[in-house]
Amino acid sequence: MCRRRWPCTPSPRNAPPSPACPTCNDPDPASGLPGLWLAGDYVAGDYPATLEGAVRSGVAAARLMLGA
């Protein structure tokens, strides 16, 4: 497993960049396995790897689970 080393006090100035990348191979919320959905900032979506992106992917995964 890859681990990113963060400085002792993360801030916008020393955090690694996370640009939106529409051509990246981020996973889809539907994993292909029965009963397993993915959510988080790393899941494909309209937002880059941010808190907002994680929240939106969680909402999308919940909607998929509920069939809405």
PDB file of N, CA and C in Angstrom:
ATOM      1  N   MET A   1       0.846  -1.175   0.000  1.00  0.00           N
ATOM      2  CA  MET A   1       0.000   0.000   0.000  1.00  0.00           C
ATOM      3  C   MET A   1       0.895   1.242   0.000  1.00  0.00           C
ATOM      4  N   CYS A   2       0.558   2.193  -0.838  1.00  0.00           N
ATOM      5  CA  CYS A   2       1.316   3.439  -0.891  1.00  0.00           C
ATOM      6  C   CYS A   2       0.888   4.344   0.247  1.00  0.00           C
ATOM      7  N   ARG A   3       1.837   4.999   0.838  1.00  0.00           N
ATOM      8  CA  ARG A   3       1.531   5.976   1.882  1.00  0.00           C
ATOM      9  C   ARG A   3       2.210   7.282   1.530  1.00  0.00           C
ATOM     10  N   ARG A   4       1.481   8.339   1.718  1.00  0.00           N
ATOM     11  CA  ARG A   4       2.027   9.671   1.479  1.00  0.00           C
ATOM     12  C   ARG A   4       2.519  10.213   2.810  1.00  0.00           C
ATOM     13  N   ARG A   5       3.698  10.760   2.821  1.00  0.00           N
ATOM     14  CA  ARG A   5       4.240  11.335   4.052  1.00  0.00           C
ATOM     15  C   ARG A   5       3.850  12.804   4.132  1.00  0.00           C
ATOM     16  N   TRP A   6       3.142  13.147   5.192  1.00  0.00           N
ATOM     17  CA  TRP A   6       2.695  14.514   5.403  1.00  0.00           C
ATOM     18  C   TRP A   6       3.634  15.205   6.382  1.00  0.00           C
ATOM     19  N   PRO A   7       3.808  16.509   6.219  1.00  0.00           N
ATOM     20  CA  PRO A   7       4.562  17.245   7.229  1.00  0.00           C
ATOM     21  C   PRO A   7       3.785  17.241   8.547  1.00  0.00           C
ATOM     22  N   CYS A   8       4.428  17.648   9.608  1.00  0.00           N
ATOM     23  CA  CYS A   8       3.789  17.617  10.927  1.00  0.00           C
ATOM     24  C   CYS A   8       2.529  18.474  10.990  1.00  0.00           C
ATOM     25  N   THR A   9       2.528  19.597  10.330  1.00  0.00           N
ATOM     26  CA  THR A   9       1.357  20.475  10.355  1.00  0.00           C
ATOM     27  C   THR A   9       0.887  20.716   8.928  1.00  0.00           C
ATOM     28  N   PRO A  10      -0.042  19.890   8.429  1.00  0.00           N
ATOM     29  CA  PRO A  10      -0.530  20.089   7.067  1.00  0.00           C
ATOM     30  C   PRO A  10      -1.242  21.431   6.925  1.00  0.00           C
ATOM     31  N   SER A  11      -1.014  22.075   5.836  1.00  0.00           N
ATOM     32  CA  SER A  11      -1.690  23.331   5.521  1.00  0.00           C
ATOM     33  C   SER A  11      -1.805  23.405   4.004  1.00  0.00           C
ATOM     34  N   PRO A  12      -2.634  24.318   3.495  1.00  0.00           N
ATOM     35  CA  PRO A  12      -2.735  24.430   2.034  1.00  0.00           C
ATOM     36  C   PRO A  12      -1.393  24.708   1.368  1.00  0.00           C
ATOM     37  N   ARG A  13      -0.475  25.317   2.098  1.00  0.00           N
ATOM     38  CA  ARG A  13       0.820  25.656   1.518  1.00  0.00           C
ATOM     39  C   ARG A  13       1.713  24.428   1.315  1.00  0.00           C
ATOM     40  N   ASN A  14       1.649  23.447   2.231  1.00  0.00           N
ATOM     41  CA  ASN A  14       2.559  22.301   2.104  1.00  0.00           C
ATOM     42  C   ASN A  14       1.844  20.982   1.809  1.00  0.00           C
ATOM     43  N   ALA A  15       0.535  21.024   1.545  1.00  0.00           N
ATOM     44  CA  ALA A  15      -0.189  19.805   1.172  1.00  0.00           C
ATOM     45  C   ALA A  15       0.073  19.488  -0.297  1.00  0.00           C
ATOM     46  N   PRO A  16       0.101  18.215  -0.666  1.00  0.00           N
ATOM     47  CA  PRO A  16       0.334  17.868  -2.073  1.00  0.00           C
ATOM     48  C   PRO A  16      -0.846  18.304  -2.940  1.00  0.00           C
ATOM     49  N   PRO A  17      -0.605  18.668  -4.170  1.00  0.00           N
ATOM     50  CA  PRO A  17      -1.706  19.098  -5.042  1.00  0.00           C
ATOM     51  C   PRO A  17      -2.612  17.929  -5.414  1.00  0.00           C
ATOM     52  N   SER A  18      -3.862  18.238  -5.667  1.00  0.00           N
ATOM     53  CA  SER A  18      -4.802  17.208  -6.118  1.00  0.00           C
ATOM     54  C   SER A  18      -5.707  17.802  -7.192  1.00  0.00           C
ATOM     55  N   PRO A  19      -5.153  18.031  -8.377  1.00  0.00           N
ATOM     56  CA  PRO A  19      -5.966  18.647  -9.433  1.00  0.00           C
ATOM     57  C   PRO A  19      -7.039  17.697  -9.947  1.00  0.00           C
ATOM     58  N   ALA A  20      -8.117  18.274 -10.434  1.00  0.00           N
ATOM     59  CA  ALA A  20      -9.158  17.451 -11.066  1.00  0.00           C
ATOM     60  C   ALA A  20      -8.583  16.859 -12.344  1.00  0.00           C
ATOM     61  N   CYS A  21      -8.837  15.604 -12.557  1.00  0.00           N
ATOM     62  CA  CYS A  21      -8.262  14.916 -13.713  1.00  0.00           C
ATOM     63  C   CYS A  21      -9.353  14.084 -14.379  1.00  0.00           C
ATOM     64  N   PRO A  22     -10.050  14.648 -15.364  1.00  0.00           N
ATOM     65  CA  PRO A  22     -11.158  13.903 -15.978  1.00  0.00           C
ATOM     66  C   PRO A  22     -10.731  12.641 -16.714  1.00  0.00           C
ATOM     67  N   THR A  23      -9.451  12.516 -17.051  1.00  0.00           N
ATOM     68  CA  THR A  23      -9.009  11.321 -17.770  1.00  0.00           C
ATOM     69  C   THR A  23      -8.367  10.289 -16.854  1.00  0.00           C
ATOM     70  N   CYS A  24      -8.317  10.553 -15.546  1.00  0.00           N
ATOM     71  CA  CYS A  24      -7.731   9.588 -14.609  1.00  0.00           C
ATOM     72  C   CYS A  24      -8.639   8.367 -14.483  1.00  0.00           C
ATOM     73  N   ASN A  25      -8.073   7.264 -14.073  1.00  0.00           N
ATOM     74  CA  ASN A  25      -8.833   6.022 -13.929  1.00  0.00           C
ATOM     75  C   ASN A  25      -9.313   5.836 -12.498  1.00  0.00           C
ATOM     76  N   ASP A  26     -10.078   6.794 -11.992  1.00  0.00           N
ATOM     77  CA  ASP A  26     -10.641   6.669 -10.654  1.00  0.00           C
ATOM     78  C   ASP A  26     -11.764   5.645 -10.686  1.00  0.00           C
ATOM     79  N   PRO A  27     -11.949   4.898  -9.594  1.00  0.00           N
ATOM     80  CA  PRO A  27     -12.987   3.866  -9.599  1.00  0.00           C
ATOM     81  C   PRO A  27     -14.393   4.454  -9.633  1.00  0.00           C
ATOM     82  N   ASP A  28     -15.311   3.686 -10.149  1.00  0.00           N
ATOM     83  CA  ASP A  28     -16.721   4.037 -10.190  1.00  0.00           C
ATOM     84  C   ASP A  28     -17.339   3.671  -8.837  1.00  0.00           C
ATOM     85  N   PRO A  29     -18.396   4.385  -8.377  1.00  0.00           N
ATOM     86  CA  PRO A  29     -19.013   4.012  -7.097  1.00  0.00           C
ATOM     87  C   PRO A  29     -19.514   2.569  -7.065  1.00  0.00           C
ATOM     88  N   ALA A  30     -20.025   2.064  -8.178  1.00  0.00           N
ATOM     89  CA  ALA A  30     -20.466   0.667  -8.227  1.00  0.00           C
ATOM     90  C   ALA A  30     -19.234  -0.200  -8.442  1.00  0.00           C
ATOM     91  N   SER A  31     -18.919  -1.038  -7.462  1.00  0.00           N
ATOM     92  CA  SER A  31     -17.671  -1.802  -7.506  1.00  0.00           C
ATOM     93  C   SER A  31     -17.727  -3.012  -8.424  1.00  0.00           C
ATOM     94  N   GLY A  32     -18.917  -3.467  -8.767  1.00  0.00           N
ATOM     95  CA  GLY A  32     -19.039  -4.694  -9.545  1.00  0.00           C
ATOM     96  C   GLY A  32     -19.231  -5.910  -8.663  1.00  0.00           C
ATOM     97  N   LEU A  33     -19.065  -5.741  -7.352  1.00  0.00           N
ATOM     98  CA  LEU A  33     -19.311  -6.820  -6.397  1.00  0.00           C
ATOM     99  C   LEU A  33     -20.657  -6.579  -5.722  1.00  0.00           C
ATOM    100  N   PRO A  34     -21.474  -7.589  -5.567  1.00  0.00           N
ATOM    101  CA  PRO A  34     -22.794  -7.404  -4.958  1.00  0.00           C
ATOM    102  C   PRO A  34     -22.683  -6.832  -3.542  1.00  0.00           C
ATOM    103  N   GLY A  35     -23.416  -5.754  -3.290  1.00  0.00           N
ATOM    104  CA  GLY A  35     -23.460  -5.164  -1.952  1.00  0.00           C
ATOM    105  C   GLY A  35     -22.282  -4.291  -1.581  1.00  0.00           C
ATOM    106  N   LEU A  36     -21.395  -4.001  -2.518  1.00  0.00           N
ATOM    107  CA  LEU A  36     -20.232  -3.165  -2.206  1.00  0.00           C
ATOM    108  C   LEU A  36     -20.219  -1.940  -3.107  1.00  0.00           C
ATOM    109  N   TRP A  37     -20.312  -0.773  -2.491  1.00  0.00           N
ATOM    110  CA  TRP A  37     -20.218   0.499  -3.213  1.00  0.00           C
ATOM    111  C   TRP A  37     -19.047   1.260  -2.642  1.00  0.00           C
ATOM    112  N   LEU A  38     -18.422   2.054  -3.486  1.00  0.00           N
ATOM    113  CA  LEU A  38     -17.260   2.830  -3.073  1.00  0.00           C
ATOM    114  C   LEU A  38     -17.643   4.293  -2.907  1.00  0.00           C
ATOM    115  N   ALA A  39     -17.037   4.947  -1.930  1.00  0.00           N
ATOM    116  CA  ALA A  39     -17.248   6.372  -1.716  1.00  0.00           C
ATOM    117  C   ALA A  39     -15.969   6.951  -1.129  1.00  0.00           C
ATOM    118  N   GLY A  40     -15.704   8.178  -1.450  1.00  0.00           N
ATOM    119  CA  GLY A  40     -14.524   8.862  -0.933  1.00  0.00           C
ATOM    120  C   GLY A  40     -13.993   9.840  -1.956  1.00  0.00           C
ATOM    121  N   ASP A  41     -12.972  10.580  -1.578  1.00  0.00           N
ATOM    122  CA  ASP A  41     -12.435  11.592  -2.491  1.00  0.00           C
ATOM    123  C   ASP A  41     -11.724  10.978  -3.687  1.00  0.00           C
ATOM    124  N   TYR A  42     -11.396   9.688  -3.622  1.00  0.00           N
ATOM    125  CA  TYR A  42     -10.680   9.015  -4.710  1.00  0.00           C
ATOM    126  C   TYR A  42     -11.613   8.431  -5.765  1.00  0.00           C
ATOM    127  N   VAL A  43     -12.922   8.459  -5.517  1.00  0.00           N
ATOM    128  CA  VAL A  43     -13.898   7.896  -6.451  1.00  0.00           C
ATOM    129  C   VAL A  43     -14.174   8.905  -7.558  1.00  0.00           C
ATOM    130  N   ALA A  44     -14.380   8.413  -8.774  1.00  0.00           N
ATOM    131  CA  ALA A  44     -14.630   9.290  -9.920  1.00  0.00           C
ATOM    132  C   ALA A  44     -15.831  10.185  -9.654  1.00  0.00           C
ATOM    133  N   GLY A  45     -15.675  11.461  -9.969  1.00  0.00           N
ATOM    134  CA  GLY A  45     -16.761  12.412  -9.761  1.00  0.00           C
ATOM    135  C   GLY A  45     -16.443  13.745 -10.401  1.00  0.00           C
ATOM    136  N   ASP A  46     -17.302  14.722 -10.129  1.00  0.00           N
ATOM    137  CA  ASP A  46     -17.143  16.047 -10.722  1.00  0.00           C
ATOM    138  C   ASP A  46     -16.159  16.931  -9.969  1.00  0.00           C
ATOM    139  N   TYR A  47     -15.779  16.543  -8.744  1.00  0.00           N
ATOM    140  CA  TYR A  47     -14.905  17.365  -7.917  1.00  0.00           C
ATOM    141  C   TYR A  47     -13.546  16.699  -7.759  1.00  0.00           C
ATOM    142  N   PRO A  48     -12.496  17.476  -7.516  1.00  0.00           N
ATOM    143  CA  PRO A  48     -11.183  16.882  -7.247  1.00  0.00           C
ATOM    144  C   PRO A  48     -11.180  16.232  -5.857  1.00  0.00           C
ATOM    145  N   ALA A  49     -10.047  15.701  -5.463  1.00  0.00           N
ATOM    146  CA  ALA A  49      -9.920  15.029  -4.169  1.00  0.00           C
ATOM    147  C   ALA A  49      -9.991  16.056  -3.041  1.00  0.00           C
ATOM    148  N   THR A  50     -11.207  16.391  -2.643  1.00  0.00           N
ATOM    149  CA  THR A  50     -11.460  17.362  -1.580  1.00  0.00           C
ATOM    150  C   THR A  50     -12.550  16.810  -0.678  1.00  0.00           C
ATOM    151  N   LEU A  51     -12.814  17.502   0.416  1.00  0.00           N
ATOM    152  CA  LEU A  51     -13.897  17.093   1.303  1.00  0.00           C
ATOM    153  C   LEU A  51     -15.229  17.123   0.568  1.00  0.00           C
ATOM    154  N   GLU A  52     -15.443  18.143  -0.245  1.00  0.00           N
ATOM    155  CA  GLU A  52     -16.687  18.238  -1.016  1.00  0.00           C
ATOM    156  C   GLU A  52     -16.823  17.056  -1.979  1.00  0.00           C
ATOM    157  N   GLY A  53     -15.713  16.667  -2.613  1.00  0.00           N
ATOM    158  CA  GLY A  53     -15.745  15.510  -3.504  1.00  0.00           C
ATOM    159  C   GLY A  53     -16.089  14.228  -2.762  1.00  0.00           C
ATOM    160  N   ALA A  54     -15.552  14.080  -1.546  1.00  0.00           N
ATOM    161  CA  ALA A  54     -15.844  12.891  -0.742  1.00  0.00           C
ATOM    162  C   ALA A  54     -17.310  12.845  -0.338  1.00  0.00           C
ATOM    163  N   VAL A  55     -17.849  13.995   0.071  1.00  0.00           N
ATOM    164  CA  VAL A  55     -19.258  14.051   0.473  1.00  0.00           C
ATOM    165  C   VAL A  55     -20.164  13.728  -0.708  1.00  0.00           C
ATOM    166  N   ARG A  56     -19.880  14.330  -1.851  1.00  0.00           N
ATOM    167  CA  ARG A  56     -20.717  14.089  -3.032  1.00  0.00           C
ATOM    168  C   ARG A  56     -20.645  12.631  -3.481  1.00  0.00           C
ATOM    169  N   SER A  57     -19.478  12.003  -3.369  1.00  0.00           N
ATOM    170  CA  SER A  57     -19.389  10.597  -3.766  1.00  0.00           C
ATOM    171  C   SER A  57     -20.139   9.712  -2.778  1.00  0.00           C
ATOM    172  N   GLY A  58     -20.169  10.090  -1.501  1.00  0.00           N
ATOM    173  CA  GLY A  58     -20.949   9.347  -0.517  1.00  0.00           C
ATOM    174  C   GLY A  58     -22.440   9.421  -0.804  1.00  0.00           C
ATOM    175  N   VAL A  59     -22.902  10.611  -1.171  1.00  0.00           N
ATOM    176  CA  VAL A  59     -24.314  10.784  -1.530  1.00  0.00           C
ATOM    177  C   VAL A  59     -24.645   9.963  -2.780  1.00  0.00           C
ATOM    178  N   ALA A  60     -23.754   9.990  -3.766  1.00  0.00           N
ATOM    179  CA  ALA A  60     -23.983   9.223  -4.996  1.00  0.00           C
ATOM    180  C   ALA A  60     -24.016   7.722  -4.705  1.00  0.00           C
ATOM    181  N   ALA A  61     -23.114   7.242  -3.846  1.00  0.00           N
ATOM    182  CA  ALA A  61     -23.098   5.816  -3.500  1.00  0.00           C
ATOM    183  C   ALA A  61     -24.367   5.431  -2.741  1.00  0.00           C
ATOM    184  N   ALA A  62     -24.830   6.307  -1.853  1.00  0.00           N
ATOM    185  CA  ALA A  62     -26.066   6.022  -1.112  1.00  0.00           C
ATOM    186  C   ALA A  62     -27.259   5.949  -2.060  1.00  0.00           C
ATOM    187  N   ARG A  63     -27.291   6.842  -3.036  1.00  0.00           N
ATOM    188  CA  ARG A  63     -28.390   6.809  -4.016  1.00  0.00           C
ATOM    189  C   ARG A  63     -28.352   5.521  -4.836  1.00  0.00           C
ATOM    190  N   LEU A  64     -27.153   5.084  -5.199  1.00  0.00           N
ATOM    191  CA  LEU A  64     -27.035   3.814  -5.930  1.00  0.00           C
ATOM    192  C   LEU A  64     -27.532   2.652  -5.070  1.00  0.00           C
ATOM    193  N   MET A  65     -27.154   2.670  -3.786  1.00  0.00           N
ATOM    194  CA  MET A  65     -27.568   1.599  -2.883  1.00  0.00           C
ATOM    195  C   MET A  65     -29.075   1.528  -2.746  1.00  0.00           C
ATOM    196  N   LEU A  66     -29.699   2.695  -2.666  1.00  0.00           N
ATOM    197  CA  LEU A  66     -31.148   2.746  -2.471  1.00  0.00           C
ATOM    198  C   LEU A  66     -31.920   2.643  -3.774  1.00  0.00           C
ATOM    199  N   GLY A  67     -31.194   2.663  -4.890  1.00  0.00           N
ATOM    200  CA  GLY A  67     -31.836   2.552  -6.189  1.00  0.00           C
ATOM    201  C   GLY A  67     -32.581   3.802  -6.613  1.00  0.00           C
ATOM    202  N   ALA A  68     -32.188   4.939  -6.052  1.00  0.00           N
ATOM    203  CA  ALA A  68     -32.871   6.204  -6.385  1.00  0.00           C
ATOM    204  C   ALA A  68     -32.287   6.838  -7.616  1.00  0.00           C
TER     205      ALA A  68
END
